[in-house]
Amino acid sequence: PTAHPPAHRRSLCPHLHHRDQPPDRQPRHAMPREVKDIKSFLLIAHRKDAKACRIKKSTRTTPKGVPTKVTKFKVRCSKYLYTLVLTDPEKAEKLRASLPPTLKVEDVDKEKSKKKA
């Protein structure tokens, strides 16, 4: 018998073979998820596995060329990074006030995120 996984489980790309690894060696975080509803985002933020929330304010131009202010809320949970995008600044402030006090909230500037990249 060979040490390789069966052909139907073997990945063509070597960097995508994490499914064949034991659970303790698999990657910890999966792809991000976008949440459309404020209520469901608050339920996610109040979960036990929610660690931190990053708030990023930026401007986005519409197809007509009109700049609009956009606020992104990103909550890091054990499996996913959940993102909520709000275009209303008043709703964004209300949501920020209703985040749980146990959650670590961090404001991210647009300039800081560009420097990191």
PDB file of N, CA and C in Angstrom:
ATOM      1  N   PRO A   1       0.829  -1.194   0.000  1.00  0.00           N
ATOM      2  CA  PRO A   1       0.000   0.000   0.000  1.00  0.00           C
ATOM      3  C   PRO A   1       0.873   1.257   0.000  1.00  0.00           C
ATOM      4  N   THR A   2       0.405   2.269  -0.724  1.00  0.00           N
ATOM      5  CA  THR A   2       1.138   3.533  -0.795  1.00  0.00           C
ATOM      6  C   THR A   2       0.662   4.474   0.292  1.00  0.00           C
ATOM      7  N   ALA A   3       1.468   5.488   0.568  1.00  0.00           N
ATOM      8  CA  ALA A   3       1.131   6.468   1.597  1.00  0.00           C
ATOM      9  C   ALA A   3       0.259   7.586   1.053  1.00  0.00           C
ATOM     10  N   HIS A   4      -0.005   7.584  -0.247  1.00  0.00           N
ATOM     11  CA  HIS A   4      -0.798   8.644  -0.850  1.00  0.00           C
ATOM     12  C   HIS A   4      -2.288   8.400  -0.637  1.00  0.00           C
ATOM     13  N   PRO A   5      -3.083   9.486  -0.583  1.00  0.00           N
ATOM     14  CA  PRO A   5      -4.533   9.306  -0.480  1.00  0.00           C
ATOM     15  C   PRO A   5      -5.078   8.725  -1.782  1.00  0.00           C
ATOM     16  N   PRO A   6      -6.267   8.154  -1.753  1.00  0.00           N
ATOM     17  CA  PRO A   6      -6.852   7.599  -2.972  1.00  0.00           C
ATOM     18  C   PRO A   6      -6.979   8.661  -4.053  1.00  0.00           C
ATOM     19  N   ALA A   7      -7.020   8.214  -5.303  1.00  0.00           N
ATOM     20  CA  ALA A   7      -7.027   9.146  -6.437  1.00  0.00           C
ATOM     21  C   ALA A   7      -8.234  10.065  -6.416  1.00  0.00           C
ATOM     22  N   HIS A   8      -9.375   9.577  -5.945  1.00  0.00           N
ATOM     23  CA  HIS A   8     -10.563  10.432  -5.943  1.00  0.00           C
ATOM     24  C   HIS A   8     -10.491  11.513  -4.871  1.00  0.00           C
ATOM     25  N   ARG A   9      -9.615  11.376  -3.889  1.00  0.00           N
ATOM     26  CA  ARG A   9      -9.476  12.391  -2.851  1.00  0.00           C
ATOM     27  C   ARG A   9      -8.250  13.254  -3.054  1.00  0.00           C
ATOM     28  N   ARG A  10      -7.376  12.875  -3.961  1.00  0.00           N
ATOM     29  CA  ARG A  10      -6.152  13.619  -4.182  1.00  0.00           C
ATOM     30  C   ARG A  10      -6.449  14.884  -4.976  1.00  0.00           C
ATOM     31  N   SER A  11      -5.916  15.989  -4.553  1.00  0.00           N
ATOM     32  CA  SER A  11      -6.137  17.261  -5.229  1.00  0.00           C
ATOM     33  C   SER A  11      -5.095  17.455  -6.322  1.00  0.00           C
ATOM     34  N   LEU A  12      -5.495  18.132  -7.380  1.00  0.00           N
ATOM     35  CA  LEU A  12      -4.548  18.438  -8.446  1.00  0.00           C
ATOM     36  C   LEU A  12      -3.570  19.524  -8.025  1.00  0.00           C
ATOM     37  N   CYS A  13      -4.024  20.427  -7.175  1.00  0.00           N
ATOM     38  CA  CYS A  13      -3.164  21.503  -6.679  1.00  0.00           C
ATOM     39  C   CYS A  13      -2.622  21.099  -5.308  1.00  0.00           C
ATOM     40  N   PRO A  14      -1.324  21.110  -5.104  1.00  0.00           N
ATOM     41  CA  PRO A  14      -0.782  20.657  -3.822  1.00  0.00           C
ATOM     42  C   PRO A  14      -1.170  21.550  -2.651  1.00  0.00           C
ATOM     43  N   HIS A  15      -1.444  22.849  -2.898  1.00  0.00           N
ATOM     44  CA  HIS A  15      -1.795  23.736  -1.793  1.00  0.00           C
ATOM     45  C   HIS A  15      -3.248  23.572  -1.365  1.00  0.00           C
ATOM     46  N   LEU A  16      -4.041  22.769  -2.060  1.00  0.00           N
ATOM     47  CA  LEU A  16      -5.435  22.551  -1.696  1.00  0.00           C
ATOM     48  C   LEU A  16      -5.660  21.174  -1.078  1.00  0.00           C
ATOM     49  N   HIS A  17      -4.622  20.549  -0.579  1.00  0.00           N
ATOM     50  CA  HIS A  17      -4.752  19.195  -0.054  1.00  0.00           C
ATOM     51  C   HIS A  17      -5.119  19.160   1.424  1.00  0.00           C
ATOM     52  N   HIS A  18      -5.599  20.272   1.997  1.00  0.00           N
ATOM     53  CA  HIS A  18      -5.880  20.304   3.426  1.00  0.00           C
ATOM     54  C   HIS A  18      -7.004  19.353   3.826  1.00  0.00           C
ATOM     55  N   ARG A  19      -7.852  18.916   2.887  1.00  0.00           N
ATOM     56  CA  ARG A  19      -8.916  17.977   3.223  1.00  0.00           C
ATOM     57  C   ARG A  19      -8.337  16.616   3.605  1.00  0.00           C
ATOM     58  N   ASP A  20      -7.137  16.316   3.127  1.00  0.00           N
ATOM     59  CA  ASP A  20      -6.516  15.034   3.414  1.00  0.00           C
ATOM     60  C   ASP A  20      -5.720  15.050   4.714  1.00  0.00           C
ATOM     61  N   GLN A  21      -5.598  16.214   5.327  1.00  0.00           N
ATOM     62  CA  GLN A  21      -4.816  16.329   6.550  1.00  0.00           C
ATOM     63  C   GLN A  21      -5.702  16.046   7.760  1.00  0.00           C
ATOM     64  N   PRO A  22      -5.098  15.674   8.874  1.00  0.00           N
ATOM     65  CA  PRO A  22      -5.894  15.481  10.091  1.00  0.00           C
ATOM     66  C   PRO A  22      -6.528  16.798  10.529  1.00  0.00           C
ATOM     67  N   PRO A  23      -7.616  16.745  11.314  1.00  0.00           N
ATOM     68  CA  PRO A  23      -8.345  17.970  11.680  1.00  0.00           C
ATOM     69  C   PRO A  23      -7.506  19.027  12.378  1.00  0.00           C
ATOM     70  N   ASP A  24      -6.494  18.633  13.150  1.00  0.00           N
ATOM     71  CA  ASP A  24      -5.688  19.634  13.847  1.00  0.00           C
ATOM     72  C   ASP A  24      -4.728  20.366  12.917  1.00  0.00           C
ATOM     73  N   ARG A  25      -4.520  19.875  11.692  1.00  0.00           N
ATOM     74  CA  ARG A  25      -3.620  20.522  10.745  1.00  0.00           C
ATOM     75  C   ARG A  25      -4.360  21.297   9.659  1.00  0.00           C
ATOM     76  N   GLN A  26      -5.698  21.253   9.661  1.00  0.00           N
ATOM     77  CA  GLN A  26      -6.469  21.956   8.642  1.00  0.00           C
ATOM     78  C   GLN A  26      -6.437  23.456   8.913  1.00  0.00           C
ATOM     79  N   PRO A  27      -6.639  24.295   7.866  1.00  0.00           N
ATOM     80  CA  PRO A  27      -6.653  25.740   8.081  1.00  0.00           C
ATOM     81  C   PRO A  27      -7.785  26.138   9.019  1.00  0.00           C
ATOM     82  N   ARG A  28      -7.546  27.149   9.821  1.00  0.00           N
ATOM     83  CA  ARG A  28      -8.514  27.530  10.840  1.00  0.00           C
ATOM     84  C   ARG A  28      -9.676  28.341  10.291  1.00  0.00           C
ATOM     85  N   HIS A  29      -9.420  29.272   9.390  1.00  0.00           N
ATOM     86  CA  HIS A  29     -10.464  30.182   8.946  1.00  0.00           C
ATOM     87  C   HIS A  29     -10.857  29.883   7.514  1.00  0.00           C
ATOM     88  N   ALA A  30     -12.152  29.985   7.260  1.00  0.00           N
ATOM     89  CA  ALA A  30     -12.662  29.761   5.912  1.00  0.00           C
ATOM     90  C   ALA A  30     -12.928  31.109   5.247  1.00  0.00           C
ATOM     91  N   MET A  31     -13.612  31.076   4.153  1.00  0.00           N
ATOM     92  CA  MET A  31     -13.900  32.288   3.385  1.00  0.00           C
ATOM     93  C   MET A  31     -14.815  33.231   4.172  1.00  0.00           C
ATOM     94  N   PRO A  32     -14.759  34.534   3.863  1.00  0.00           N
ATOM     95  CA  PRO A  32     -15.652  35.476   4.533  1.00  0.00           C
ATOM     96  C   PRO A  32     -17.090  35.320   4.050  1.00  0.00           C
ATOM     97  N   ARG A  33     -18.017  35.737   4.889  1.00  0.00           N
ATOM     98  CA  ARG A  33     -19.434  35.677   4.560  1.00  0.00           C
ATOM     99  C   ARG A  33     -20.023  37.074   4.692  1.00  0.00           C
ATOM    100  N   GLU A  34     -20.864  37.456   3.736  1.00  0.00           N
ATOM    101  CA  GLU A  34     -21.536  38.748   3.816  1.00  0.00           C
ATOM    102  C   GLU A  34     -22.928  38.548   4.387  1.00  0.00           C
ATOM    103  N   VAL A  35     -23.287  39.402   5.347  1.00  0.00           N
ATOM    104  CA  VAL A  35     -24.598  39.372   5.977  1.00  0.00           C
ATOM    105  C   VAL A  35     -25.367  40.582   5.469  1.00  0.00           C
ATOM    106  N   LYS A  36     -26.600  40.378   5.044  1.00  0.00           N
ATOM    107  CA  LYS A  36     -27.404  41.467   4.492  1.00  0.00           C
ATOM    108  C   LYS A  36     -28.314  42.109   5.533  1.00  0.00           C
ATOM    109  N   ASP A  37     -28.636  41.380   6.594  1.00  0.00           N
ATOM    110  CA  ASP A  37     -29.623  41.833   7.568  1.00  0.00           C
ATOM    111  C   ASP A  37     -28.937  42.280   8.861  1.00  0.00           C
ATOM    112  N   ILE A  38     -29.362  43.427   9.396  1.00  0.00           N
ATOM    113  CA  ILE A  38     -28.760  43.962  10.624  1.00  0.00           C
ATOM    114  C   ILE A  38     -29.070  43.055  11.811  1.00  0.00           C
ATOM    115  N   LYS A  39     -30.303  42.527  11.864  1.00  0.00           N
ATOM    116  CA  LYS A  39     -30.698  41.670  12.981  1.00  0.00           C
ATOM    117  C   LYS A  39     -29.838  40.415  13.064  1.00  0.00           C
ATOM    118  N   SER A  40     -29.634  39.770  11.925  1.00  0.00           N
ATOM    119  CA  SER A  40     -28.819  38.555  11.941  1.00  0.00           C
ATOM    120  C   SER A  40     -27.355  38.882  12.252  1.00  0.00           C
ATOM    121  N   PHE A  41     -26.883  40.059  11.832  1.00  0.00           N
ATOM    122  CA  PHE A  41     -25.517  40.462  12.158  1.00  0.00           C
ATOM    123  C   PHE A  41     -25.361  40.657  13.665  1.00  0.00           C
ATOM    124  N   LEU A  42     -26.365  41.256  14.307  1.00  0.00           N
ATOM    125  CA  LEU A  42     -26.299  41.440  15.758  1.00  0.00           C
ATOM    126  C   LEU A  42     -26.326  40.100  16.486  1.00  0.00           C
ATOM    127  N   LEU A  43     -27.110  39.149  15.980  1.00  0.00           N
ATOM    128  CA  LEU A  43     -27.122  37.819  16.593  1.00  0.00           C
ATOM    129  C   LEU A  43     -25.745  37.161  16.483  1.00  0.00           C
ATOM    130  N   ILE A  44     -25.090  37.347  15.346  1.00  0.00           N
ATOM    131  CA  ILE A  44     -23.742  36.796  15.157  1.00  0.00           C
ATOM    132  C   ILE A  44     -22.760  37.482  16.105  1.00  0.00           C
ATOM    133  N   ALA A  45     -22.884  38.803  16.251  1.00  0.00           N
ATOM    134  CA  ALA A  45     -21.964  39.555  17.112  1.00  0.00           C
ATOM    135  C   ALA A  45     -22.133  39.188  18.584  1.00  0.00           C
ATOM    136  N   HIS A  46     -23.318  38.726  18.974  1.00  0.00           N
ATOM    137  CA  HIS A  46     -23.564  38.355  20.366  1.00  0.00           C
ATOM    138  C   HIS A  46     -23.200  36.893  20.664  1.00  0.00           C
ATOM    139  N   ARG A  47     -22.725  36.163  19.673  1.00  0.00           N
ATOM    140  CA  ARG A  47     -22.362  34.768  19.904  1.00  0.00           C
ATOM    141  C   ARG A  47     -21.103  34.663  20.764  1.00  0.00           C
ATOM    142  N   LYS A  48     -20.907  33.490  21.357  1.00  0.00           N
ATOM    143  CA  LYS A  48     -19.741  33.274  22.222  1.00  0.00           C
ATOM    144  C   LYS A  48     -18.436  33.271  21.441  1.00  0.00           C
ATOM    145  N   ASP A  49     -18.473  32.776  20.202  1.00  0.00           N
ATOM    146  CA  ASP A  49     -17.227  32.664  19.438  1.00  0.00           C
ATOM    147  C   ASP A  49     -16.850  33.944  18.703  1.00  0.00           C
ATOM    148  N   ALA A  50     -17.638  35.015  18.832  1.00  0.00           N
ATOM    149  CA  ALA A  50     -17.291  36.301  18.214  1.00  0.00           C
ATOM    150  C   ALA A  50     -16.167  36.939  19.028  1.00  0.00           C
ATOM    151  N   LYS A  51     -15.038  37.193  18.370  1.00  0.00           N
ATOM    152  CA  LYS A  51     -13.858  37.685  19.084  1.00  0.00           C
ATOM    153  C   LYS A  51     -13.694  39.192  18.989  1.00  0.00           C
ATOM    154  N   ALA A  52     -13.787  39.739  17.768  1.00  0.00           N
ATOM    155  CA  ALA A  52     -13.506  41.157  17.572  1.00  0.00           C
ATOM    156  C   ALA A  52     -14.341  41.694  16.425  1.00  0.00           C
ATOM    157  N   CYS A  53     -14.532  43.005  16.433  1.00  0.00           N
ATOM    158  CA  CYS A  53     -15.275  43.678  15.369  1.00  0.00           C
ATOM    159  C   CYS A  53     -14.421  44.829  14.855  1.00  0.00           C
ATOM    160  N   ARG A  54     -14.247  44.880  13.532  1.00  0.00           N
ATOM    161  CA  ARG A  54     -13.534  45.993  12.907  1.00  0.00           C
ATOM    162  C   ARG A  54     -14.546  46.820  12.138  1.00  0.00           C
ATOM    163  N   ILE A  55     -14.454  48.135  12.281  1.00  0.00           N
ATOM    164  CA  ILE A  55     -15.356  49.051  11.593  1.00  0.00           C
ATOM    165  C   ILE A  55     -14.525  49.892  10.643  1.00  0.00           C
ATOM    166  N   LYS A  56     -14.879  49.837   9.368  1.00  0.00           N
ATOM    167  CA  LYS A  56     -14.139  50.566   8.343  1.00  0.00           C
ATOM    168  C   LYS A  56     -15.085  51.521   7.634  1.00  0.00           C
ATOM    169  N   LYS A  57     -14.752  52.802   7.664  1.00  0.00           N
ATOM    170  CA  LYS A  57     -15.547  53.817   6.971  1.00  0.00           C
ATOM    171  C   LYS A  57     -14.804  54.241   5.714  1.00  0.00           C
ATOM    172  N   SER A  58     -15.539  54.273   4.594  1.00  0.00           N
ATOM    173  CA  SER A  58     -14.932  54.673   3.329  1.00  0.00           C
ATOM    174  C   SER A  58     -15.996  55.300   2.444  1.00  0.00           C
ATOM    175  N   THR A  59     -15.575  55.810   1.301  1.00  0.00           N
ATOM    176  CA  THR A  59     -16.519  56.365   0.330  1.00  0.00           C
ATOM    177  C   THR A  59     -16.479  55.510  -0.927  1.00  0.00           C
ATOM    178  N   ARG A  60     -17.657  55.311  -1.482  1.00  0.00           N
ATOM    179  CA  ARG A  60     -17.795  54.503  -2.692  1.00  0.00           C
ATOM    180  C   ARG A  60     -18.560  55.340  -3.712  1.00  0.00           C
ATOM    181  N   THR A  61     -18.127  55.307  -4.956  1.00  0.00           N
ATOM    182  CA  THR A  61     -18.835  56.051  -5.999  1.00  0.00           C
ATOM    183  C   THR A  61     -19.821  55.126  -6.701  1.00  0.00           C
ATOM    184  N   THR A  62     -21.021  55.628  -6.900  1.00  0.00           N
ATOM    185  CA  THR A  62     -22.058  54.868  -7.592  1.00  0.00           C
ATOM    186  C   THR A  62     -21.786  54.896  -9.090  1.00  0.00           C
ATOM    187  N   PRO A  63     -22.460  54.061  -9.870  1.00  0.00           N
ATOM    188  CA  PRO A  63     -22.258  54.095 -11.326  1.00  0.00           C
ATOM    189  C   PRO A  63     -22.552  55.459 -11.955  1.00  0.00           C
ATOM    190  N   LYS A  64     -23.387  56.267 -11.297  1.00  0.00           N
ATOM    191  CA  LYS A  64     -23.685  57.612 -11.805  1.00  0.00           C
ATOM    192  C   LYS A  64     -22.599  58.612 -11.428  1.00  0.00           C
ATOM    193  N   GLY A  65     -21.629  58.201 -10.607  1.00  0.00           N
ATOM    194  CA  GLY A  65     -20.534  59.080 -10.223  1.00  0.00           C
ATOM    195  C   GLY A  65     -20.769  59.829  -8.929  1.00  0.00           C
ATOM    196  N   VAL A  66     -21.794  59.456  -8.172  1.00  0.00           N
ATOM    197  CA  VAL A  66     -22.111  60.129  -6.913  1.00  0.00           C
ATOM    198  C   VAL A  66     -21.384  59.401  -5.774  1.00  0.00           C
ATOM    199  N   PRO A  67     -20.549  60.119  -4.995  1.00  0.00           N
ATOM    200  CA  PRO A  67     -19.869  59.456  -3.877  1.00  0.00           C
ATOM    201  C   PRO A  67     -20.832  59.227  -2.704  1.00  0.00           C
ATOM    202  N   THR A  68     -20.811  58.035  -2.131  1.00  0.00           N
ATOM    203  CA  THR A  68     -21.631  57.714  -0.964  1.00  0.00           C
ATOM    204  C   THR A  68     -20.727  57.173   0.134  1.00  0.00           C
ATOM    205  N   LYS A  69     -21.088  57.485   1.383  1.00  0.00           N
ATOM    206  CA  LYS A  69     -20.319  56.996   2.525  1.00  0.00           C
ATOM    207  C   LYS A  69     -20.769  55.578   2.854  1.00  0.00           C
ATOM    208  N   VAL A  70     -19.792  54.712   3.024  1.00  0.00           N
ATOM    209  CA  VAL A  70     -20.061  53.305   3.304  1.00  0.00           C
ATOM    210  C   VAL A  70     -19.346  52.921   4.595  1.00  0.00           C
ATOM    211  N   THR A  71     -20.054  52.190   5.462  1.00  0.00           N
ATOM    212  CA  THR A  71     -19.464  51.677   6.691  1.00  0.00           C
ATOM    213  C   THR A  71     -19.532  50.160   6.655  1.00  0.00           C
ATOM    214  N   LYS A  72     -18.379  49.520   6.849  1.00  0.00           N
ATOM    215  CA  LYS A  72     -18.326  48.058   6.859  1.00  0.00           C
ATOM    216  C   LYS A  72     -18.045  47.582   8.280  1.00  0.00           C
ATOM    217  N   PHE A  73     -18.865  46.657   8.747  1.00  0.00           N
ATOM    218  CA  PHE A  73     -18.681  46.017  10.042  1.00  0.00           C
ATOM    219  C   PHE A  73     -18.212  44.592   9.786  1.00  0.00           C
ATOM    220  N   LYS A  74     -17.069  44.228  10.362  1.00  0.00           N
ATOM    221  CA  LYS A  74     -16.524  42.884  10.162  1.00  0.00           C
ATOM    222  C   LYS A  74     -16.342  42.221  11.520  1.00  0.00           C
ATOM    223  N   VAL A  75     -17.036  41.105  11.726  1.00  0.00           N
ATOM    224  CA  VAL A  75     -16.948  40.373  12.989  1.00  0.00           C
ATOM    225  C   VAL A  75     -16.200  39.070  12.750  1.00  0.00           C
ATOM    226  N   ARG A  76     -15.138  38.863  13.522  1.00  0.00           N
ATOM    227  CA  ARG A  76     -14.346  37.638  13.429  1.00  0.00           C
ATOM    228  C   ARG A  76     -14.926  36.601  14.377  1.00  0.00           C
ATOM    229  N   CYS A  77     -15.411  35.502  13.813  1.00  0.00           N
ATOM    230  CA  CYS A  77     -15.867  34.369  14.604  1.00  0.00           C
ATOM    231  C   CYS A  77     -14.896  33.214  14.400  1.00  0.00           C
ATOM    232  N   SER A  78     -15.184  32.078  15.018  1.00  0.00           N
ATOM    233  CA  SER A  78     -14.225  30.975  14.968  1.00  0.00           C
ATOM    234  C   SER A  78     -14.061  30.415  13.564  1.00  0.00           C
ATOM    235  N   LYS A  79     -15.133  30.398  12.766  1.00  0.00           N
ATOM    236  CA  LYS A  79     -15.025  29.799  11.439  1.00  0.00           C
ATOM    237  C   LYS A  79     -15.023  30.833  10.322  1.00  0.00           C
ATOM    238  N   TYR A  80     -15.869  31.844  10.410  1.00  0.00           N
ATOM    239  CA  TYR A  80     -16.024  32.808   9.322  1.00  0.00           C
ATOM    240  C   TYR A  80     -15.760  34.235   9.790  1.00  0.00           C
ATOM    241  N   LEU A  81     -15.477  35.092   8.823  1.00  0.00           N
ATOM    242  CA  LEU A  81     -15.424  36.531   9.035  1.00  0.00           C
ATOM    243  C   LEU A  81     -16.694  37.088   8.404  1.00  0.00           C
ATOM    244  N   TYR A  82     -17.605  37.574   9.230  1.00  0.00           N
ATOM    245  CA  TYR A  82     -18.889  38.067   8.753  1.00  0.00           C
ATOM    246  C   TYR A  82     -18.802  39.564   8.499  1.00  0.00           C
ATOM    247  N   THR A  83     -19.328  40.020   7.356  1.00  0.00           N
ATOM    248  CA  THR A  83     -19.262  41.422   6.961  1.00  0.00           C
ATOM    249  C   THR A  83     -20.657  41.951   6.703  1.00  0.00           C
ATOM    250  N   LEU A  84     -20.928  43.137   7.232  1.00  0.00           N
ATOM    251  CA  LEU A  84     -22.173  43.853   6.968  1.00  0.00           C
ATOM    252  C   LEU A  84     -21.803  45.213   6.404  1.00  0.00           C
ATOM    253  N   VAL A  85     -22.407  45.590   5.280  1.00  0.00           N
ATOM    254  CA  VAL A  85     -22.125  46.870   4.628  1.00  0.00           C
ATOM    255  C   VAL A  85     -23.347  47.759   4.782  1.00  0.00           C
ATOM    256  N   LEU A  86     -23.145  48.955   5.369  1.00  0.00           N
ATOM    257  CA  LEU A  86     -24.233  49.919   5.556  1.00  0.00           C
ATOM    258  C   LEU A  86     -23.894  51.218   4.835  1.00  0.00           C
ATOM    259  N   THR A  87     -24.899  51.796   4.163  1.00  0.00           N
ATOM    260  CA  THR A  87     -24.697  53.078   3.489  1.00  0.00           C
ATOM    261  C   THR A  87     -25.296  54.230   4.284  1.00  0.00           C
ATOM    262  N   ASP A  88     -26.077  53.932   5.306  1.00  0.00           N
ATOM    263  CA  ASP A  88     -26.698  54.970   6.134  1.00  0.00           C
ATOM    264  C   ASP A  88     -25.841  55.205   7.378  1.00  0.00           C
ATOM    265  N   PRO A  89     -25.258  56.423   7.537  1.00  0.00           N
ATOM    266  CA  PRO A  89     -24.387  56.679   8.701  1.00  0.00           C
ATOM    267  C   PRO A  89     -25.126  56.611  10.038  1.00  0.00           C
ATOM    268  N   GLU A  90     -26.411  56.991  10.059  1.00  0.00           N
ATOM    269  CA  GLU A  90     -27.173  56.941  11.316  1.00  0.00           C
ATOM    270  C   GLU A  90     -27.379  55.499  11.770  1.00  0.00           C
ATOM    271  N   LYS A  91     -27.706  54.621  10.830  1.00  0.00           N
ATOM    272  CA  LYS A  91     -27.869  53.205  11.171  1.00  0.00           C
ATOM    273  C   LYS A  91     -26.544  52.613  11.636  1.00  0.00           C
ATOM    274  N   ALA A  92     -25.452  53.069  11.040  1.00  0.00           N
ATOM    275  CA  ALA A  92     -24.134  52.567  11.427  1.00  0.00           C
ATOM    276  C   ALA A  92     -23.809  52.949  12.869  1.00  0.00           C
ATOM    277  N   GLU A  93     -24.136  54.176  13.250  1.00  0.00           N
ATOM    278  CA  GLU A  93     -23.881  54.608  14.631  1.00  0.00           C
ATOM    279  C   GLU A  93     -24.763  53.844  15.616  1.00  0.00           C
ATOM    280  N   LYS A  94     -26.018  53.597  15.244  1.00  0.00           N
ATOM    281  CA  LYS A  94     -26.916  52.828  16.115  1.00  0.00           C
ATOM    282  C   LYS A  94     -26.416  51.397  16.277  1.00  0.00           C
ATOM    283  N   LEU A  95     -25.931  50.825  15.182  1.00  0.00           N
ATOM    284  CA  LEU A  95     -25.410  49.459  15.249  1.00  0.00           C
ATOM    285  C   LEU A  95     -24.158  49.402  16.112  1.00  0.00           C
ATOM    286  N   ARG A  96     -23.308  50.396  15.980  1.00  0.00           N
ATOM    287  CA  ARG A  96     -22.087  50.435  16.794  1.00  0.00           C
ATOM    288  C   ARG A  96     -22.431  50.515  18.275  1.00  0.00           C
ATOM    289  N   ALA A  97     -23.466  51.291  18.611  1.00  0.00           N
ATOM    290  CA  ALA A  97     -23.874  51.424  20.008  1.00  0.00           C
ATOM    291  C   ALA A  97     -24.493  50.131  20.545  1.00  0.00           C
ATOM    292  N   SER A  98     -25.078  49.329  19.668  1.00  0.00           N
ATOM    293  CA  SER A  98     -25.742  48.110  20.130  1.00  0.00           C
ATOM    294  C   SER A  98     -24.852  46.871  20.080  1.00  0.00           C
ATOM    295  N   LEU A  99     -23.572  47.036  19.735  1.00  0.00           N
ATOM    296  CA  LEU A  99     -22.647  45.899  19.783  1.00  0.00           C
ATOM    297  C   LEU A  99     -22.397  45.514  21.236  1.00  0.00           C
ATOM    298  N   PRO A 100     -22.174  44.244  21.517  1.00  0.00           N
ATOM    299  CA  PRO A 100     -21.981  43.823  22.908  1.00  0.00           C
ATOM    300  C   PRO A 100     -20.705  44.417  23.508  1.00  0.00           C
ATOM    301  N   PRO A 101     -20.725  44.746  24.805  1.00  0.00           N
ATOM    302  CA  PRO A 101     -19.545  45.352  25.434  1.00  0.00           C
ATOM    303  C   PRO A 101     -18.361  44.390  25.548  1.00  0.00           C
ATOM    304  N   THR A 102     -18.614  43.093  25.481  1.00  0.00           N
ATOM    305  CA  THR A 102     -17.520  42.123  25.576  1.00  0.00           C
ATOM    306  C   THR A 102     -16.739  42.011  24.273  1.00  0.00           C
ATOM    307  N   LEU A 103     -17.305  42.511  23.181  1.00  0.00           N
ATOM    308  CA  LEU A 103     -16.662  42.426  21.874  1.00  0.00           C
ATOM    309  C   LEU A 103     -15.630  43.540  21.732  1.00  0.00           C
ATOM    310  N   LYS A 104     -14.428  43.181  21.291  1.00  0.00           N
ATOM    311  CA  LYS A 104     -13.369  44.176  21.089  1.00  0.00           C
ATOM    312  C   LYS A 104     -13.639  44.908  19.776  1.00  0.00           C
ATOM    313  N   VAL A 105     -13.910  46.217  19.844  1.00  0.00           N
ATOM    314  CA  VAL A 105     -14.244  47.013  18.660  1.00  0.00           C
ATOM    315  C   VAL A 105     -13.024  47.830  18.262  1.00  0.00           C
ATOM    316  N   GLU A 106     -12.693  47.779  16.966  1.00  0.00           N
ATOM    317  CA  GLU A 106     -11.511  48.475  16.456  1.00  0.00           C
ATOM    318  C   GLU A 106     -11.905  49.252  15.203  1.00  0.00           C
ATOM    319  N   ASP A 107     -11.542  50.544  15.168  1.00  0.00           N
ATOM    320  CA  ASP A 107     -11.779  51.361  13.977  1.00  0.00           C
ATOM    321  C   ASP A 107     -10.577  51.243  13.054  1.00  0.00           C
ATOM    322  N   VAL A 108     -10.844  51.015  11.774  1.00  0.00           N
ATOM    323  CA  VAL A 108      -9.789  50.864  10.778  1.00  0.00           C
ATOM    324  C   VAL A 108      -9.884  52.027   9.809  1.00  0.00           C
ATOM    325  N   ASP A 109      -8.778  52.767   9.668  1.00  0.00           N
ATOM    326  CA  ASP A 109      -8.746  53.870   8.712  1.00  0.00           C
ATOM    327  C   ASP A 109      -8.450  53.338   7.327  1.00  0.00           C
ATOM    328  N   LYS A 110      -8.904  54.080   6.327  1.00  0.00           N
ATOM    329  CA  LYS A 110      -8.655  53.681   4.938  1.00  0.00           C
ATOM    330  C   LYS A 110      -7.159  53.745   4.632  1.00  0.00           C
ATOM    331  N   GLU A 111      -6.466  54.738   5.183  1.00  0.00           N
ATOM    332  CA  GLU A 111      -5.039  54.904   4.922  1.00  0.00           C
ATOM    333  C   GLU A 111      -4.236  53.764   5.544  1.00  0.00           C
ATOM    334  N   LYS A 112      -4.622  53.336   6.765  1.00  0.00           N
ATOM    335  CA  LYS A 112      -3.907  52.259   7.438  1.00  0.00           C
ATOM    336  C   LYS A 112      -4.018  50.962   6.657  1.00  0.00           C
ATOM    337  N   SER A 113      -5.214  50.672   6.149  1.00  0.00           N
ATOM    338  CA  SER A 113      -5.396  49.413   5.431  1.00  0.00           C
ATOM    339  C   SER A 113      -4.628  49.409   4.115  1.00  0.00           C
ATOM    340  N   LYS A 114      -4.443  50.575   3.495  1.00  0.00           N
ATOM    341  CA  LYS A 114      -3.657  50.639   2.261  1.00  0.00           C
ATOM    342  C   LYS A 114      -2.178  50.422   2.551  1.00  0.00           C
ATOM    343  N   LYS A 115      -1.691  50.938   3.700  1.00  0.00           N
ATOM    344  CA  LYS A 115      -0.280  50.780   4.048  1.00  0.00           C
ATOM    345  C   LYS A 115       0.053  49.329   4.357  1.00  0.00           C
ATOM    346  N   LYS A 116      -0.885  48.592   4.953  1.00  0.00           N
ATOM    347  CA  LYS A 116      -0.646  47.193   5.297  1.00  0.00           C
ATOM    348  C   LYS A 116      -0.519  46.339   4.053  1.00  0.00           C
ATOM    349  N   ALA A 117      -1.265  46.681   3.020  1.00  0.00           N
ATOM    350  CA  ALA A 117      -1.280  45.853   1.806  1.00  0.00           C
ATOM    351  C   ALA A 117      -0.023  46.004   0.986  1.00  0.00           C
TER     352      ALA A 117
END
